[in-house]
C-alpha cells in the first residue's frame, strides 16, 4: 500500500510540473484551438494549416503569443487545485484508506473551488492570447492590454468586475470532465482485464489517453462556449454575458448549430485532441522515467537498511 501511495504522490508531482511543460511544448496547438473556437468566420482547416496561416499573417512567434499569462494561470490553478484537494482529503480521510469515490468527490469540490478562484486569470489570459490576432470575424472588438495587470484594470473599468467571471457556468459544468474520463477509464480497464491478468504501464497509458479523448470530445461544445464567454469581445448579444447562465450557453450552442451545423460545435477539436493525447504521452514518458529512478533509489535505500 505504501508503494501505491508513493506512486500516486509521484503522479501528482508529474501532473503539476508536467502540465506546465506540456502546455509549453504543445502551446501552438492550444493557439490553433482557441482561434477556431472564437473566430467563427475562420474556415475549419487542419491544425497545421491554421498554424501556418497564423505564422504567415502574424509572424513566427504568433503561435506562442500569451504564453506567460497562460503558464502563470496554470501554475496558480494547479496550486489551488492540489492544495484544496490535499487539505480536503486530509480532513475527510483522517488516516483511513481513501476510496476512489471519496477521491472523485474531493476532486470535484477542489475543481469547483479552483474555477471560482482562478476564472479571472483565465479570462485575462484568453484575451491576451488573442490580442493582435488577425480575426476573420468583423464583429470582434480588439483589445489593447499592456500586460496582465493592465488587462485586469481595463476589464474592471470598462466592463465591471463581474466580467472577470465570464464563462464561470460552463467552467463549473466542465468540472465533471474528470468524472466522465474516470468512468470510461474504469470501463476500458475492466474490458482489458477480462483478456489478461495484469495491465502493463503502457496499457494503462493507452486506456488513459482514450478515456481522456472521449471525455474531451463529449464536453468539447461546452469548452467552445467557455472560450467565447471568456473572450467576451463579440458585439453580438452583450446582455447577461456574466456568469454565462444556462440560457446563455444554450443560446450560444444554438447560434453555432444554426450557422455552421453540428460540426460548428467541434471547430478546433482536432487541435485539442492532438494536444490532449500528446500531453498524455509526454506525462507517461516522464512518469515512467521518474518511477524507474525513484524506485531504484528506494530499492537501494531498502537494501541499505537491511
Protein backbone atom coordinates (compact mmCIF):
# COMPACT_ATOMS: atom_id res chain seq x y z
CA UNK A 1 0.00 0.00 0.00
CA UNK A 2 2.93 2.32 0.80
CA UNK A 3 4.32 1.86 -2.68
CA UNK A 4 0.89 2.64 -4.12
CA UNK A 5 0.65 5.91 -2.20
CA UNK A 6 4.19 6.83 -3.26
CA UNK A 7 3.24 6.13 -6.87
CA UNK A 8 0.13 8.31 -6.56
CA UNK A 9 2.10 11.16 -4.99
CA UNK A 10 4.64 10.89 -7.79
CA UNK A 11 1.82 11.03 -10.32
CA UNK A 12 0.55 14.26 -8.70
CA UNK A 13 4.03 15.80 -8.92
CA UNK A 14 4.33 14.77 -12.56
CA UNK A 15 0.85 16.10 -13.18
CA UNK A 16 1.63 19.50 -11.70
CA UNK A 17 5.02 20.05 -13.31
CA UNK A 18 4.21 18.03 -16.40
CA UNK A 19 1.18 20.12 -17.28
CA UNK A 20 3.34 23.27 -17.44
CA UNK A 21 5.97 21.57 -19.60
CA UNK A 22 3.34 20.01 -21.85
CA UNK A 23 1.47 23.30 -22.20
CA UNK A 24 4.73 24.97 -23.26
CA UNK A 25 5.71 22.28 -25.75
CA UNK A 26 2.25 21.99 -27.32
CA UNK A 27 1.22 25.64 -26.90
CA UNK A 28 0.76 26.25 -30.67
CA UNK A 29 -1.94 23.53 -30.70
CA UNK A 30 -3.76 25.44 -27.97
CA UNK A 31 -3.47 28.63 -30.04
CA UNK A 32 -4.99 26.90 -33.08
CA UNK A 33 -7.86 25.50 -30.98
CA UNK A 34 -8.71 28.87 -29.42
CA UNK A 35 -8.67 30.69 -32.78
CA UNK A 36 -11.03 28.14 -34.32
CA UNK A 37 -13.37 28.29 -31.33
CA UNK A 38 -13.60 32.06 -31.04
CA UNK A 39 -13.27 33.26 -34.63
CA UNK A 40 -16.29 31.64 -36.19
CA UNK A 41 -15.56 33.02 -39.66
CA UNK A 42 -12.22 31.21 -39.77
CA UNK A 43 -12.55 28.19 -42.01
CA UNK A 44 -12.13 24.89 -40.20
CA UNK A 45 -8.90 23.64 -41.74
CA UNK A 46 -6.48 21.06 -40.43
CA UNK A 47 -4.45 22.18 -37.43
CA UNK A 48 -1.15 22.60 -39.24
CA UNK A 49 -2.84 24.69 -41.95
CA UNK A 50 -4.30 27.01 -39.31
CA UNK A 51 -0.89 27.35 -37.64
CA UNK A 52 0.81 28.05 -40.97
CA UNK A 53 -1.77 30.75 -41.71
CA UNK A 54 -1.21 32.35 -38.28
CA UNK A 55 2.58 32.32 -38.79
CA UNK A 56 2.27 33.76 -42.30
CA UNK A 57 -0.06 36.57 -41.23
CA UNK A 58 1.25 37.40 -37.77
CA UNK A 59 4.86 36.24 -37.62
CA UNK A 60 6.82 33.23 -36.45
CA UNK A 61 6.21 33.73 -32.72
CA UNK A 62 2.45 34.33 -33.04
CA UNK A 63 1.52 30.72 -32.05
CA UNK A 64 3.29 31.43 -28.72
CA UNK A 65 1.50 34.70 -28.05
CA UNK A 66 0.15 34.87 -24.49
CA UNK A 67 2.39 32.05 -23.24
CA UNK A 68 3.39 33.77 -19.99
CA UNK A 69 -0.15 34.64 -18.79
CA UNK A 70 -1.34 31.12 -19.61
CA UNK A 71 1.55 29.47 -17.75
CA UNK A 72 1.04 31.79 -14.75
CA UNK A 73 -2.66 30.87 -14.66
CA UNK A 74 -1.83 27.19 -15.00
CA UNK A 75 0.61 27.31 -12.06
CA UNK A 76 -1.94 29.14 -9.87
CA UNK A 77 -4.65 26.72 -10.96
CA UNK A 78 -2.53 23.66 -10.18
CA UNK A 79 -1.59 25.11 -6.80
CA UNK A 80 -5.20 25.92 -5.85
CA UNK A 81 -6.44 22.53 -7.07
CA UNK A 82 -3.81 20.36 -5.37
CA UNK A 83 -3.80 22.43 -2.16
CA UNK A 84 -7.62 22.20 -1.88
CA UNK A 85 -7.61 18.52 -2.89
CA UNK A 86 -4.98 17.50 -0.34
CA UNK A 87 -6.42 19.64 2.50
CA UNK A 88 -9.95 18.29 1.99
CA UNK A 89 -8.70 14.75 1.66
CA UNK A 90 -6.67 15.04 4.88
CA UNK A 91 -9.75 16.37 6.70
CA UNK A 92 -12.12 13.74 5.35
CA UNK A 93 -10.00 10.60 5.25
CA UNK A 94 -8.13 11.22 8.56
CA UNK A 95 -5.58 8.46 8.13
CA UNK A 96 -8.04 5.83 6.90
CA UNK A 97 -7.72 4.26 3.48
CA UNK A 98 -9.16 6.58 0.82
CA UNK A 99 -11.61 5.17 -1.72
CA UNK A 100 -11.93 6.11 -5.37
CA UNK A 101 -15.41 7.50 -4.67
CA UNK A 102 -14.01 9.82 -1.99
CA UNK A 103 -11.21 10.89 -4.34
CA UNK A 104 -13.76 11.76 -7.03
CA UNK A 105 -15.90 13.82 -4.63
CA UNK A 106 -12.86 15.64 -3.23
CA UNK A 107 -11.61 16.19 -6.80
CA UNK A 108 -14.98 17.62 -7.75
CA UNK A 109 -15.05 20.07 -4.82
CA UNK A 110 -11.42 21.07 -5.48
CA UNK A 111 -12.39 21.64 -9.12
CA UNK A 112 -15.26 23.95 -8.15
CA UNK A 113 -13.05 25.96 -5.74
CA UNK A 114 -10.43 26.19 -8.48
CA UNK A 115 -12.96 27.52 -11.04
CA UNK A 116 -14.34 30.15 -8.65
CA UNK A 117 -10.89 31.39 -7.63
CA UNK A 118 -9.00 31.26 -10.93
CA UNK A 119 -11.59 32.13 -13.61
CA UNK A 120 -10.44 35.82 -13.67
CA UNK A 121 -6.93 34.64 -14.60
CA UNK A 122 -8.29 32.53 -17.46
CA UNK A 123 -10.47 35.39 -18.73
CA UNK A 124 -7.40 37.65 -18.82
CA UNK A 125 -5.10 35.11 -20.43
CA UNK A 126 -7.70 34.16 -23.08
CA UNK A 127 -7.85 37.83 -24.10
CA UNK A 128 -4.08 38.35 -24.00
CA UNK A 129 -3.62 35.25 -26.10
CA UNK A 130 -5.98 36.59 -28.77
CA UNK A 131 -4.71 40.17 -28.66
CA UNK A 132 -3.37 41.29 -32.02
CA UNK A 133 -4.81 38.27 -33.80
CA UNK A 134 -5.99 38.77 -37.37
CA UNK A 135 -9.63 37.80 -37.00
CA UNK A 136 -11.84 36.88 -39.95
CA UNK A 137 -14.89 37.94 -37.94
CA UNK A 138 -15.57 41.71 -38.14
CA UNK A 139 -17.81 41.58 -35.04
CA UNK A 140 -14.83 41.16 -32.72
CA UNK A 141 -13.76 44.24 -30.75
CA UNK A 142 -9.92 44.28 -30.49
CA UNK A 143 -8.18 44.76 -27.13
CA UNK A 144 -5.02 46.69 -26.28
CA UNK A 145 -3.82 45.50 -22.89
CA UNK A 146 -0.21 46.19 -21.92
CA UNK A 147 0.02 43.09 -19.74
CA UNK A 148 -1.73 41.01 -17.08
CA UNK A 149 -2.25 43.86 -14.54
CA UNK A 150 -3.39 46.33 -17.20
CA UNK A 151 -5.84 43.74 -18.56
CA UNK A 152 -7.41 43.36 -15.09
CA UNK A 153 -7.57 47.13 -14.76
CA UNK A 154 -9.21 47.72 -18.15
CA UNK A 155 -11.73 44.89 -17.79
CA UNK A 156 -12.88 46.15 -14.36
CA UNK A 157 -13.00 49.75 -15.63
CA UNK A 158 -14.85 49.10 -18.90
CA UNK A 159 -16.96 46.01 -18.22
CA UNK A 160 -17.31 45.85 -14.45
CA UNK A 161 -15.74 43.39 -12.02
CA UNK A 162 -18.25 40.64 -12.83
CA UNK A 163 -16.79 40.39 -16.38
CA UNK A 164 -13.75 38.71 -14.78
CA UNK A 165 -16.01 35.74 -14.06
CA UNK A 166 -17.26 35.41 -17.65
CA UNK A 167 -17.83 31.78 -18.55
CA UNK A 168 -17.96 30.55 -14.95
CA UNK A 169 -21.06 28.45 -15.55
CA UNK A 170 -19.66 26.28 -18.38
CA UNK A 171 -16.42 26.00 -16.37
CA UNK A 172 -18.36 24.61 -13.40
CA UNK A 173 -20.07 22.08 -15.67
CA UNK A 174 -16.65 21.10 -17.05
CA UNK A 175 -15.59 20.05 -13.53
CA UNK A 176 -17.47 16.82 -14.40
CA UNK A 177 -14.87 16.14 -17.10
CA UNK A 178 -12.53 14.05 -14.88
CA UNK A 179 -15.51 12.00 -13.63
CA UNK A 180 -16.55 11.21 -17.23
CA UNK A 181 -12.94 10.35 -18.04
CA UNK A 182 -12.68 8.11 -14.98
CA UNK A 183 -15.91 6.30 -15.86
CA UNK A 184 -14.60 5.42 -19.34
CA UNK A 185 -11.18 4.58 -17.93
CA UNK A 186 -12.65 2.07 -15.48
CA UNK A 187 -14.89 0.57 -18.17
CA UNK A 188 -11.99 0.09 -20.59
CA UNK A 189 -9.81 -1.29 -17.80
CA UNK A 190 -12.45 -3.91 -16.91
CA UNK A 191 -12.68 -4.98 -20.58
CA UNK A 192 -8.91 -5.37 -20.84
CA UNK A 193 -8.62 -7.27 -17.56
CA UNK A 194 -11.01 -9.90 -18.92
CA UNK A 195 -8.37 -10.67 -21.54
CA UNK A 196 -5.24 -10.52 -19.39
CA UNK A 197 -4.17 -10.89 -15.79
CA UNK A 198 -2.26 -7.67 -15.26
CA UNK A 199 -2.04 -4.37 -17.09
CA UNK A 200 1.33 -3.02 -18.16
CA UNK A 201 2.03 0.68 -17.71
CA UNK A 202 1.67 1.09 -21.49
CA UNK A 203 -1.84 -0.44 -21.31
CA UNK A 204 -2.73 1.98 -18.54
CA UNK A 205 -1.39 4.90 -20.60
CA UNK A 206 -3.38 3.89 -23.69
CA UNK A 207 -6.65 3.43 -21.78
CA UNK A 208 -5.98 6.74 -20.02
CA UNK A 209 -5.40 8.57 -23.30
CA UNK A 210 -8.51 7.02 -24.92
CA UNK A 211 -10.68 7.86 -21.87
CA UNK A 212 -9.37 11.43 -21.88
CA UNK A 213 -10.03 11.77 -25.61
CA UNK A 214 -13.63 10.54 -25.15
CA UNK A 215 -14.26 12.91 -22.21
CA UNK A 216 -12.77 15.82 -24.20
CA UNK A 217 -14.97 15.09 -27.22
CA UNK A 218 -18.13 14.76 -25.10
CA UNK A 219 -17.55 18.10 -23.33
CA UNK A 220 -15.99 20.00 -26.24
CA UNK A 221 -19.07 22.12 -27.15
CA UNK A 222 -19.04 23.42 -23.56
CA UNK A 223 -15.35 24.24 -23.88
CA UNK A 224 -16.16 26.25 -27.02
CA UNK A 225 -18.85 28.24 -25.15
CA UNK A 226 -16.42 28.74 -22.27
CA UNK A 227 -13.82 30.24 -24.63
CA UNK A 228 -16.35 32.53 -26.34
CA UNK A 229 -17.67 33.81 -22.98
CA UNK A 230 -14.19 34.33 -21.54
CA UNK A 231 -13.13 36.24 -24.61
CA UNK A 232 -16.35 38.23 -24.47
CA UNK A 233 -15.34 40.57 -27.30
CA UNK A 234 -18.15 39.71 -29.72
CA UNK A 235 -20.51 42.57 -30.38
CA UNK A 236 -23.44 40.14 -30.52
CA UNK A 237 -25.66 39.50 -27.53
CA UNK A 238 -23.76 41.61 -24.98
CA UNK A 239 -26.53 41.42 -22.34
CA UNK A 240 -26.32 38.98 -19.44
CA UNK A 241 -22.94 37.74 -20.55
CA UNK A 242 -21.71 37.42 -16.99
CA UNK A 243 -21.55 34.00 -15.38
CA UNK A 244 -22.95 32.64 -18.68
CA UNK A 245 -26.25 31.31 -17.42
CA UNK A 246 -27.68 28.09 -18.81
CA UNK A 247 -29.86 30.13 -21.18
CA UNK A 248 -26.78 31.87 -22.46
CA UNK A 249 -24.97 28.58 -23.05
CA UNK A 250 -27.94 27.14 -24.92
CA UNK A 251 -28.25 30.36 -26.94
CA UNK A 252 -24.57 30.20 -28.00
CA UNK A 253 -24.77 26.50 -28.84
CA UNK A 254 -27.96 27.11 -30.84
CA UNK A 255 -26.33 30.02 -32.75
CA UNK A 256 -23.37 27.84 -33.65
CA UNK A 257 -25.50 24.94 -34.86
CA UNK A 258 -27.79 27.24 -36.83
CA UNK A 259 -24.88 28.87 -38.66
CA UNK A 260 -22.42 26.03 -39.11
CA UNK A 261 -24.33 22.81 -38.45
CA UNK A 262 -23.46 20.41 -35.65
CA UNK A 263 -19.77 20.45 -36.65
CA UNK A 264 -19.66 24.14 -35.72
CA UNK A 265 -19.60 22.99 -32.10
CA UNK A 266 -16.47 20.95 -32.77
CA UNK A 267 -14.25 23.52 -34.51
CA UNK A 268 -10.74 23.14 -33.14
CA UNK A 269 -11.40 19.68 -31.69
CA UNK A 270 -8.61 18.14 -33.78
CA UNK A 271 -6.04 20.50 -32.23
CA UNK A 272 -7.46 19.88 -28.75
CA UNK A 273 -7.33 16.08 -29.13
CA UNK A 274 -3.79 16.24 -30.52
CA UNK A 275 -2.77 18.36 -27.54
CA UNK A 276 -4.56 16.02 -25.11
CA UNK A 277 -3.03 12.81 -26.45
CA UNK A 278 0.48 14.25 -26.88
CA UNK A 279 0.33 15.70 -23.35
CA UNK A 280 -0.72 12.30 -22.00
CA UNK A 281 2.17 10.68 -23.89
CA UNK A 282 4.67 13.19 -22.53
CA UNK A 283 3.37 12.74 -18.97
CA UNK A 284 3.61 8.98 -19.41
CA UNK A 285 7.24 9.14 -20.53
CA UNK A 286 8.19 11.48 -17.68
CA UNK A 287 6.29 9.34 -15.17
CA UNK A 288 7.93 6.12 -16.40
CA UNK A 289 11.42 7.63 -16.19
CA UNK A 290 10.72 9.11 -12.74
CA UNK A 291 9.15 5.91 -11.43
CA UNK A 292 12.14 3.91 -12.59
CA UNK A 293 14.55 6.39 -10.99
CA UNK A 294 12.57 6.79 -7.75
CA UNK A 295 12.05 3.09 -7.21
CA UNK A 296 15.69 2.34 -7.99
CA UNK A 297 16.65 4.85 -5.29
CA UNK A 298 14.04 3.44 -2.90
CA UNK A 299 15.22 -0.08 -3.65
CA UNK A 300 18.75 0.96 -2.85
CA UNK A 301 17.59 2.61 0.40
CA UNK A 302 15.70 -0.53 1.42
CA UNK A 303 18.64 -2.76 0.54
CA UNK A 304 20.84 -0.42 2.57
CA UNK A 305 18.51 -0.69 5.58
CA UNK A 306 18.65 -4.47 5.54
